[in-house]
Amino acid sequence: MKATPAETSVSLEWSAVTGATEYEISYGQEKTTRKQASAVIQALTADTDYTFKVVAKADGYEDSPAAEVATRTLAPEPETHDA
């Protein structure tokens, strides 16, 4: 599983599971589902650690976590002031 962090979002990519009809992505107390083996999770807090877990689902069957990755969102860019 690959995580590419930005300031307030993380792009996730993982290997597709044969027969999976959707993937459940969980992080902290949040959960979301996707049909494809990738997602962009938005509205995250900058400069914060997150662990993302993905579970493949198919017709009521739930696999053990297919993938897991820990990452940290980027710190905000410092403001620059032109003199």
Protein backbone atom coordinates (compact mmCIF):
# COMPACT_ATOMS: atom_id res chain seq x y z
CA MET A 1 0.00 0.00 0.00
CA LYS A 2 1.30 3.44 -0.91
CA ALA A 3 0.44 6.73 0.80
CA THR A 4 1.30 10.12 -0.68
CA PRO A 5 0.62 12.88 1.86
CA ALA A 6 -0.21 16.50 1.16
CA GLU A 7 -1.02 19.22 3.70
CA THR A 8 -4.67 18.27 4.33
CA SER A 9 -5.10 15.10 2.26
CA VAL A 10 -3.51 11.72 1.58
CA SER A 11 -3.62 9.79 -1.70
CA LEU A 12 -3.79 6.02 -1.16
CA GLU A 13 -3.12 3.19 -3.61
CA TRP A 14 -3.18 -0.55 -2.91
CA SER A 15 -3.23 -3.85 -4.78
CA ALA A 16 -6.67 -4.87 -5.97
CA VAL A 17 -8.15 -8.04 -4.46
CA THR A 18 -9.68 -10.46 -6.98
CA GLY A 19 -13.44 -10.64 -6.49
CA ALA A 20 -13.66 -7.58 -4.23
CA THR A 21 -16.70 -5.40 -4.91
CA GLU A 22 -15.59 -2.57 -2.62
CA TYR A 23 -12.90 -1.54 -0.17
CA GLU A 24 -13.49 -0.09 3.30
CA ILE A 25 -10.89 2.45 4.36
CA SER A 26 -10.65 3.29 8.05
CA TYR A 27 -8.53 5.88 9.85
CA GLY A 28 -9.09 6.98 13.44
CA GLN A 29 -12.86 6.98 14.00
CA GLU A 30 -13.61 7.55 10.30
CA LYS A 31 -14.62 5.02 7.61
CA THR A 32 -15.31 5.36 3.90
CA THR A 33 -15.73 2.95 1.00
CA ARG A 34 -14.42 2.91 -2.57
CA LYS A 35 -15.04 0.64 -5.56
CA GLN A 36 -11.48 0.99 -6.90
CA ALA A 37 -8.07 0.27 -5.34
CA SER A 38 -7.25 3.92 -4.69
CA ALA A 39 -8.62 6.90 -2.80
CA VAL A 40 -7.88 10.49 -1.87
CA ILE A 41 -8.80 11.18 1.75
CA GLN A 42 -9.42 14.89 2.28
CA ALA A 43 -10.19 17.30 5.12
CA LEU A 44 -7.33 15.98 7.26
CA THR A 45 -5.35 18.03 9.78
CA ALA A 46 -1.95 19.25 8.61
CA ASP A 47 1.21 17.92 10.29
CA THR A 48 -0.64 14.97 11.86
CA ASP A 49 0.04 11.21 11.98
CA TYR A 50 -2.59 8.91 10.42
CA THR A 51 -2.82 5.14 10.01
CA PHE A 52 -5.01 3.93 7.14
CA LYS A 53 -6.38 0.38 6.95
CA VAL A 54 -8.08 -1.10 3.91
CA VAL A 55 -10.39 -4.13 4.01
CA ALA A 56 -11.64 -5.81 0.83
CA LYS A 57 -15.34 -6.75 0.77
CA ALA A 58 -17.31 -8.99 -1.60
CA ASP A 59 -20.95 -10.06 -1.31
CA GLY A 60 -21.06 -9.82 2.49
CA TYR A 61 -17.62 -11.38 2.89
CA GLU A 62 -15.00 -9.26 4.64
CA ASP A 63 -11.30 -10.01 4.31
CA SER A 64 -8.78 -9.28 7.04
CA PRO A 65 -7.09 -5.91 6.51
CA ALA A 66 -5.75 -6.13 2.97
CA ALA A 67 -3.35 -3.29 3.55
CA GLU A 68 -2.22 -0.84 6.22
CA VAL A 69 0.03 2.20 6.08
CA ALA A 70 1.05 4.97 8.46
CA THR A 71 1.90 8.46 7.23
CA ARG A 72 2.00 12.07 8.35
CA THR A 73 0.32 14.95 6.55
CA LEU A 74 2.64 17.76 5.54
CA ALA A 75 3.22 20.83 7.69
CA PRO A 76 1.70 24.06 6.37
CA GLU A 77 3.93 26.16 4.16
CA PRO A 78 5.25 29.17 6.07
CA GLU A 79 3.80 32.46 4.90
CA THR A 80 6.19 34.69 3.05
CA HIS A 81 6.02 38.44 3.19
CA ASP A 82 7.54 40.50 0.43
CA ALA A 83 9.27 43.64 1.62
